[in-house]
Amino acid sequence: MSTNGIKKLYYSISEVAEMFEVEPHVLRYWESEFKQLAPKKNRAGRRTYRDSDIQMIKKIWHLLKVEKYTIEGARRALTNDDYDEEGFRSRQELLEIRRFLEQLLESI
């Protein structure tokens, strides 16, 4: 998310899509499905994503791609504050440990 250690204030839709390895139309779709995701548009009408938007996309991406939630389930989790940031980090760490152990097991 940064270039040579310099953090940008705004990112284009193509930059954000590349960060999450999705097509730009996926981000536009998520914007229509999740009211929490509302990037500002510049005078030319192009979406500009701030760090807060990217953090929300990260949560949405995690719920949909890692936790395998449906759109409706992810929407409910975010709306009802069922999404636990600390739990998210813990699950990420556990997934990394699991991958490591699976690789270790394969090498034996």
Protein backbone atom coordinates (compact mmCIF):
# COMPACT_ATOMS: atom_id res chain seq x y z
CA MET A 1 0.00 0.00 0.00
CA SER A 2 2.94 2.30 -0.04
CA THR A 3 5.56 3.28 -2.57
CA ASN A 4 9.11 3.52 -1.26
CA GLY A 5 7.83 4.08 2.28
CA ILE A 6 5.73 7.08 1.26
CA LYS A 7 2.06 6.64 2.00
CA LYS A 8 -0.46 8.19 -0.34
CA LEU A 9 -3.56 10.06 0.80
CA TYR A 10 -5.73 8.74 -2.02
CA TYR A 11 -5.65 5.61 -4.16
CA SER A 12 -7.39 4.96 -7.47
CA ILE A 13 -9.78 2.06 -7.96
CA SER A 14 -7.20 0.22 -10.06
CA GLU A 15 -4.55 0.57 -7.34
CA VAL A 16 -6.92 -0.75 -4.68
CA ALA A 17 -8.10 -3.57 -6.94
CA GLU A 18 -4.48 -4.59 -7.45
CA MET A 19 -3.85 -4.58 -3.69
CA PHE A 20 -6.63 -7.12 -3.15
CA GLU A 21 -6.15 -9.00 -6.43
CA VAL A 22 -9.71 -8.33 -7.57
CA GLU A 23 -11.11 -6.59 -10.62
CA PRO A 24 -12.32 -2.97 -10.24
CA HIS A 25 -15.92 -4.05 -10.92
CA VAL A 26 -15.77 -6.15 -7.73
CA LEU A 27 -14.99 -3.04 -5.68
CA ARG A 28 -17.85 -1.17 -7.34
CA TYR A 29 -20.16 -4.10 -6.56
CA TRP A 30 -19.04 -4.18 -2.92
CA GLU A 31 -19.68 -0.45 -2.75
CA SER A 32 -23.28 -1.08 -3.81
CA GLU A 33 -23.70 -3.88 -1.25
CA PHE A 34 -21.95 -2.43 1.81
CA LYS A 35 -23.05 1.01 3.00
CA GLN A 36 -19.87 1.24 5.10
CA LEU A 37 -17.83 1.38 1.90
CA ALA A 38 -18.34 4.80 0.36
CA PRO A 39 -15.22 6.18 -1.33
CA LYS A 40 -15.33 9.83 -2.27
CA LYS A 41 -15.40 10.86 -5.90
CA ASN A 42 -13.24 13.62 -7.28
CA ARG A 43 -14.45 16.36 -9.63
CA ALA A 44 -14.00 14.04 -12.59
CA GLY A 45 -16.27 11.48 -10.91
CA ARG A 46 -13.48 8.98 -10.24
CA ARG A 47 -13.44 7.10 -6.96
CA THR A 48 -10.68 8.00 -4.53
CA TYR A 49 -9.96 5.57 -1.72
CA ARG A 50 -8.51 6.70 1.60
CA ASP A 51 -6.88 4.48 4.21
CA SER A 52 -10.21 4.12 6.04
CA ASP A 53 -11.84 2.84 2.83
CA ILE A 54 -8.99 0.39 2.33
CA GLN A 55 -9.37 -0.89 5.91
CA MET A 56 -13.08 -1.49 5.27
CA ILE A 57 -12.27 -3.32 2.02
CA LYS A 58 -9.79 -5.43 3.96
CA LYS A 59 -12.54 -6.44 6.39
CA ILE A 60 -15.00 -7.17 3.58
CA TRP A 61 -12.39 -9.14 1.64
CA HIS A 62 -11.52 -11.18 4.74
CA LEU A 63 -15.14 -11.99 5.52
CA LEU A 64 -15.92 -13.00 1.93
CA LYS A 65 -12.71 -14.70 0.84
CA VAL A 66 -11.21 -16.15 4.02
CA GLU A 67 -14.20 -16.68 6.30
CA LYS A 68 -16.40 -17.63 3.30
CA TYR A 69 -19.33 -15.44 4.36
CA THR A 70 -22.08 -14.68 1.89
CA ILE A 71 -22.63 -11.04 0.94
CA GLU A 72 -25.65 -10.96 3.26
CA GLY A 73 -23.73 -12.60 6.10
CA ALA A 74 -20.81 -10.21 5.73
CA ARG A 75 -23.20 -7.25 5.61
CA ARG A 76 -24.85 -8.43 8.84
CA ALA A 77 -21.50 -9.02 10.54
CA LEU A 78 -20.33 -5.50 9.69
CA THR A 79 -23.68 -3.85 10.48
CA ASN A 80 -24.20 -5.59 13.82
CA ASP A 81 -20.61 -5.01 14.90
CA ASP A 82 -20.12 -8.77 14.96
CA TYR A 83 -16.83 -8.18 13.22
CA ASP A 84 -14.11 -8.28 15.85
CA GLU A 85 -10.85 -6.61 14.82
CA GLU A 86 -8.84 -8.46 17.46
CA GLY A 87 -10.43 -11.75 16.45
CA PHE A 88 -9.58 -10.96 12.83
CA ARG A 89 -5.89 -10.62 13.69
CA SER A 90 -5.99 -13.76 15.81
CA ARG A 91 -7.58 -15.75 12.99
CA GLN A 92 -4.97 -14.42 10.57
CA GLU A 93 -2.18 -15.55 12.89
CA LEU A 94 -3.79 -18.97 13.34
CA LEU A 95 -4.12 -19.39 9.58
CA GLU A 96 -0.42 -18.59 9.17
CA ILE A 97 0.49 -21.12 11.87
CA ARG A 98 -1.73 -23.72 10.21
CA ARG A 99 -0.05 -23.15 6.83
CA PHE A 100 3.36 -23.46 8.45
CA LEU A 101 2.41 -26.70 10.21
CA GLU A 102 0.96 -28.15 7.01
CA GLN A 103 4.20 -27.35 5.18
CA LEU A 104 6.20 -28.86 8.01
CA LEU A 105 4.08 -32.01 7.92
CA GLU A 106 4.55 -32.32 4.16
CA SER A 107 8.33 -32.06 4.51
CA ILE A 108 8.49 -34.96 6.99
